[in-house]
Protein backbone atom coordinates (compact mmCIF):
# COMPACT_ATOMS: atom_id res chain seq x y z
CA MET A 1 1.58 20.54 17.91
CA ILE A 2 -1.41 18.22 18.40
CA ARG A 3 -5.06 19.15 18.86
CA ARG A 4 -8.07 16.84 19.20
CA GLY A 5 -10.67 18.76 17.23
CA ILE A 6 -11.23 21.45 14.62
CA THR A 7 -14.30 23.37 13.49
CA THR A 8 -13.60 23.78 9.79
CA VAL A 9 -12.01 21.19 7.50
CA LEU A 10 -10.97 22.09 3.95
CA VAL A 11 -10.96 18.87 1.95
CA ALA A 12 -8.90 18.43 -1.24
CA LEU A 13 -8.30 15.41 -3.46
CA ALA A 14 -6.40 12.82 -1.42
CA THR A 15 -4.56 11.49 -4.49
CA LEU A 16 -2.66 14.73 -5.09
CA THR A 17 0.92 15.03 -3.87
CA VAL A 18 0.29 18.65 -2.90
CA ALA A 19 -2.68 18.85 -0.57
CA CYS A 20 -3.35 22.59 -0.52
CA ILE A 21 -1.98 25.73 -2.17
CA ASP A 22 -2.05 29.29 -0.86
CA LEU A 23 -1.55 31.51 -3.90
CA SER A 24 -1.44 34.63 -1.72
CA ALA A 25 1.49 33.52 0.44
CA PRO A 26 4.55 35.63 -0.47
CA LYS A 27 6.78 33.92 2.12
CA GLY A 28 6.89 30.65 4.00
CA ALA A 29 4.66 27.74 3.00
CA ALA A 30 2.86 28.30 -0.30
CA SER A 31 1.70 24.67 -0.46
CA ILE A 32 1.85 21.51 1.62
CA SER A 33 1.95 17.77 1.02
CA VAL A 34 -0.76 15.31 1.91
CA LEU A 35 -0.53 13.70 5.33
CA GLN A 36 2.49 11.38 5.40
CA LEU A 37 2.04 8.45 7.76
CA PRO A 38 4.69 6.05 9.11
CA SER A 39 2.06 3.29 8.94
CA LEU A 40 -1.39 2.79 7.40
CA PHE A 41 -2.89 1.59 10.70
CA VAL A 42 -2.47 1.76 14.48
CA VAL A 43 -3.08 -1.09 16.91
CA ARG A 44 -5.53 -0.70 19.78
CA GLY A 45 -3.51 -0.19 22.97
CA ASP A 46 -0.33 0.64 21.06
CA VAL A 47 1.20 3.60 19.25
CA MET A 48 1.69 4.12 15.51
CA ARG A 49 5.00 2.62 14.38
CA ASP A 50 7.13 2.77 11.25
CA SER A 51 8.20 -0.29 9.23
CA THR A 52 11.04 -1.04 11.66
CA GLY A 53 8.70 -1.01 14.66
CA VAL A 54 9.82 2.34 16.08
CA PRO A 55 7.07 4.73 17.33
CA ALA A 56 6.76 7.51 14.77
CA LYS A 57 4.76 10.69 14.13
CA PRO A 58 2.91 11.79 10.99
CA ARG A 59 4.47 14.46 8.82
CA VAL A 60 3.42 17.24 6.49
CA VAL A 61 5.98 18.81 4.14
CA ALA A 62 5.79 22.54 3.39
CA TYR A 63 6.83 23.98 0.00
CA ASP A 64 7.65 27.53 -1.04
CA GLY A 65 6.32 29.25 -4.16
CA ASN A 66 8.99 27.56 -6.29
CA GLY A 67 8.10 24.08 -5.10
CA ASN A 68 11.12 23.72 -2.83
CA ALA A 69 10.69 22.02 0.54
CA VAL A 70 10.79 24.48 3.45
CA PRO A 71 12.75 23.01 6.39
CA ASP A 72 11.86 23.26 10.08
CA VAL A 73 8.19 24.09 9.58
CA GLU A 74 5.99 22.68 12.34
CA ALA A 75 2.65 21.15 11.46
CA ASP A 76 -0.47 20.86 13.62
CA PHE A 77 -2.52 17.67 13.58
CA PHE A 78 -6.23 17.40 14.28
CA ILE A 79 -8.58 14.50 14.92
CA THR A 80 -11.95 15.42 13.45
CA ASP A 81 -14.10 12.70 15.08
CA SER A 82 -16.15 13.07 18.23
CA GLY A 83 -15.38 10.20 20.60
CA PRO A 84 -12.43 9.18 18.42
CA ALA A 85 -10.89 5.71 18.26
CA ALA A 86 -7.41 7.18 18.85
CA HIS A 87 -5.66 10.21 20.27
CA PHE A 88 -2.32 11.95 19.93
CA GLY A 89 0.06 11.58 22.86
CA THR A 90 2.11 14.48 24.19
CA ASP A 91 5.01 13.28 22.01
CA GLY A 92 2.88 13.65 18.86
CA VAL A 93 2.53 9.92 18.21
CA LEU A 94 -0.94 8.51 17.48
CA VAL A 95 -2.26 6.11 20.15
CA GLY A 96 -4.97 3.52 19.40
CA ASP A 97 -7.78 3.51 21.96
CA LYS A 98 -10.55 1.33 20.51
CA LEU A 99 -11.33 -0.58 17.33
CA GLY A 100 -12.65 1.63 14.56
CA THR A 101 -11.42 4.40 12.29
CA VAL A 102 -9.91 7.74 13.20
CA ARG A 103 -9.91 10.74 10.84
CA VAL A 104 -6.87 13.00 10.87
CA ILE A 105 -5.79 16.16 9.06
CA GLY A 106 -2.56 18.13 9.13
CA GLN A 107 -2.23 21.91 8.98
CA ILE A 108 0.55 24.41 8.38
CA GLY A 109 -0.51 28.06 8.65
CA ASN A 110 -3.89 28.32 6.93
CA LEU A 111 -3.24 25.28 4.71
CA GLN A 112 -4.84 21.92 5.51
CA THR A 113 -4.41 18.41 4.15
CA PRO A 114 -7.33 16.24 3.07
CA VAL A 115 -8.85 14.04 5.77
CA THR A 116 -7.02 10.72 6.11
CA GLN A 117 -8.85 7.73 7.59
CA ILE A 118 -6.66 5.46 9.73
CA PRO A 119 -7.90 2.04 10.92
CA VAL A 120 -7.46 1.16 14.60
CA THR A 121 -7.03 -2.62 14.60
CA VAL A 122 -6.09 -5.63 16.64
CA GLU A 123 -2.41 -6.53 16.57
CA PRO A 124 -1.51 -8.37 13.35
CA THR A 125 -0.03 -11.79 14.03
CA THR A 126 -0.40 -13.94 10.91
CA ILE A 127 -0.18 -13.69 7.13
CA ALA A 128 -1.64 -16.43 4.95
CA VAL A 129 -3.03 -17.20 1.53
CA GLY A 130 -6.58 -15.96 1.05
CA THR A 131 -8.16 -17.63 -1.97
CA PRO A 132 -5.73 -20.39 -3.08
CA PRO A 133 -4.01 -19.83 -6.46
CA PRO A 134 -5.67 -21.62 -9.39
CA ASP A 135 -4.25 -24.96 -10.51
CA THR A 136 -3.28 -23.30 -13.79
CA ILE A 137 -3.12 -19.77 -15.17
CA ARG A 138 -4.42 -20.40 -18.70
CA ALA A 139 -3.02 -17.78 -21.05
CA PRO A 140 -5.23 -17.69 -24.20
CA LEU A 141 -2.54 -16.74 -26.71
CA ARG A 142 -4.08 -15.72 -30.05
CA SER A 143 -2.76 -13.89 -33.11
CA ASP A 144 -4.94 -10.87 -32.31
CA SER A 145 -3.91 -10.73 -28.65
CA ALA A 146 -1.97 -7.71 -27.41
CA GLY A 147 -0.33 -6.81 -24.13
CA SER A 148 -1.70 -8.91 -21.28
CA ILE A 149 -2.69 -12.47 -22.26
CA GLY A 150 -3.59 -13.74 -18.81
CA ARG A 151 -3.78 -12.68 -15.19
CA THR A 152 -4.79 -14.01 -11.80
CA GLN A 153 -5.35 -12.31 -8.46
CA ILE A 154 -2.87 -12.52 -5.61
CA SER A 155 -5.05 -13.23 -2.60
CA LEU A 156 -3.63 -12.73 0.92
CA VAL A 157 -5.05 -12.06 4.35
CA VAL A 158 -3.48 -10.64 7.51
CA THR A 159 -5.20 -11.56 10.77
CA GLY A 160 -4.88 -10.99 14.50
CA ALA A 161 -6.59 -12.29 17.62
CA GLY A 162 -9.72 -14.34 16.91
CA ASP A 163 -8.81 -14.52 13.20
CA THR A 164 -9.83 -10.87 12.89
CA ALA A 165 -8.78 -9.41 9.53
CA VAL A 166 -6.38 -6.50 10.00
CA GLN A 167 -6.67 -3.52 7.65
CA GLY A 168 -3.76 -1.41 6.49
CA VAL A 169 -0.83 -3.79 7.02
CA LEU A 170 1.82 -3.35 4.36
CA VAL A 171 2.58 -6.62 2.59
CA HIS A 172 5.63 -6.86 0.34
CA LEU A 173 5.38 -8.99 -2.78
CA LYS A 174 8.38 -10.38 -4.63
CA LEU A 175 8.41 -12.36 -7.86
CA THR A 176 10.94 -15.11 -7.06
CA ARG A 177 10.38 -17.32 -10.13
CA THR A 178 9.37 -15.91 -13.48
CA LEU A 179 9.25 -17.02 -17.13
CA GLU A 180 11.76 -16.35 -19.90
CA SER A 181 11.03 -13.23 -21.93
CA ALA A 182 11.61 -12.75 -25.65
CA SER A 183 12.20 -9.04 -24.98
CA SER A 184 15.36 -7.55 -23.55
CA THR A 185 13.38 -4.68 -22.02
CA GLN A 186 9.92 -6.09 -21.21
CA PRO A 187 9.17 -9.01 -18.86
CA ALA A 188 7.09 -12.07 -19.64
CA VAL A 189 5.50 -11.86 -16.19
CA TYR A 190 5.06 -8.98 -13.77
CA ILE A 191 3.15 -8.00 -10.65
CA GLY A 192 0.46 -5.42 -11.37
CA ASP A 193 -2.60 -3.80 -9.83
CA SER A 194 -6.18 -4.89 -10.43
CA ASN A 195 -6.17 -2.99 -13.75
CA GLY A 196 -3.06 -4.83 -14.92
CA LYS A 197 -0.83 -1.75 -14.60
CA PRO A 198 2.76 -2.84 -13.87
CA HIS A 199 4.83 -1.64 -10.94
CA SER A 200 8.36 -0.40 -11.35
CA ALA A 201 9.87 -3.08 -9.09
CA ASP A 202 9.30 -6.72 -8.21
CA SER A 203 8.73 -5.83 -4.57
CA VAL A 204 5.63 -3.71 -4.06
CA GLY A 205 3.59 -2.42 -1.17
CA TYR A 206 0.29 -4.20 -0.76
CA PRO A 207 -2.04 -2.54 1.76
CA GLN A 208 -4.90 -4.87 2.60
CA ASP A 209 -7.46 -2.12 1.95
CA ALA A 210 -6.02 -1.20 -1.47
CA PRO A 211 -6.95 -2.71 -4.85
CA LYS A 212 -5.84 -6.32 -5.11
CA MET A 213 -2.61 -7.18 -6.86
CA VAL A 214 -2.39 -9.59 -9.78
CA ILE A 215 0.12 -11.74 -11.65
CA VAL A 216 0.11 -10.64 -15.30
CA LEU A 217 1.33 -12.76 -18.23
CA THR A 218 2.36 -10.91 -21.39
CA ARG A 219 2.97 -11.75 -25.06
CA ASN A 220 6.71 -11.71 -24.35
CA LEU A 221 6.77 -15.40 -23.40
CA ALA A 222 9.85 -16.93 -25.05
CA ASP A 223 9.64 -20.66 -24.23
CA GLN A 224 8.44 -22.37 -27.42
CA ALA A 225 7.30 -25.49 -25.58
CA LEU A 226 5.21 -23.30 -23.31
CA LEU A 227 3.87 -21.32 -26.27
CA SER A 228 2.91 -24.52 -28.09
CA GLY A 229 0.82 -25.64 -25.14
CA THR A 230 2.87 -28.80 -24.58
CA LYS A 231 4.50 -27.59 -21.37
CA VAL A 232 3.37 -26.28 -17.99
CA ASP A 233 5.73 -23.85 -16.23
CA THR A 234 5.55 -22.11 -12.88
CA VAL A 235 5.52 -18.56 -11.51
CA ILE A 236 6.26 -18.10 -7.79
CA VAL A 237 5.53 -15.07 -5.62
CA GLU A 238 6.62 -14.58 -2.00
CA ALA A 239 4.67 -12.28 0.31
CA SER A 240 5.96 -10.99 3.64
CA ALA A 241 4.75 -8.65 6.39
CA SER A 242 5.94 -7.61 9.83
CA TYR A 243 4.88 -5.80 12.98
CA LYS A 244 7.20 -4.08 15.45
CA GLY A 245 10.02 -5.11 13.15
CA ALA A 246 9.33 -8.86 13.54
CA PRO A 247 7.95 -11.07 10.73
CA LEU A 248 4.33 -12.18 11.09
CA LYS A 249 3.64 -15.88 11.53
CA GLY A 250 3.60 -17.50 8.10
CA SER A 251 5.90 -14.88 6.57
CA PRO A 252 7.04 -15.25 3.87
CA VAL A 253 4.03 -16.85 2.21
CA ARG A 254 4.95 -18.76 -0.96
CA LEU A 255 2.34 -18.68 -3.74
CA VAL A 256 2.87 -21.08 -6.65
CA TYR A 257 1.10 -20.45 -9.99
CA PRO A 258 1.31 -23.12 -12.73
CA VAL A 259 1.06 -21.58 -16.23
CA ARG A 260 -0.30 -23.23 -19.38
CA VAL A 261 -0.84 -21.55 -22.76
CA THR A 262 -4.10 -22.48 -24.55
CA PHE A 263 -5.38 -21.60 -28.01
């Protein structure tokens, strides 16, 4: 069920998997998930779509007192803005009306999710390199170094009509050329977040409004010529994005990072 407004909003931490807990509920939903969106944005004049381009509704998952998902529980969705930039259609799919941001919550029983802000954007058409990669990632390898020995930001931009930057588009990154590792379990190079924390896979989601991703070099470099500083090697990352199931112009973007070890 969809409603446009609500008087009271109970806000919890948006980073929690469980959005709200009702300790008094003996039956039915004792807790619910945060708002689960098929996309991180909606285009003005279009509906929200999943990664394949199919129109899709938001979801909220209900859990019982033992943490088990409760099937067939209907959620209500509310837009909390006055004069909102989007509205819910009769089919429950979010429709973009004007450029801006719309704030949405989900509710099951007396449990509410945190407010989620959803950009209403122009249609994304193009993906390209933002700030060009440096000529060389210089890894300052020293005897007292530990963990990360060098990193550089992966800079990308998704634009639409009039070169307008589009927020919320999911960009997939894949490390297509790496460096030899001296470890059988740890890589010499990985894709991480702005704090250098590694991801569990080479291909990662990269929302444009999230912390920037980086290429991280580690002490596991195995190539002795590279370690001696007499050789320059290369790391390559490919970035791709789509809309309505079709690749954006420029996708995949190929980013080439020369690597040199210095002392």
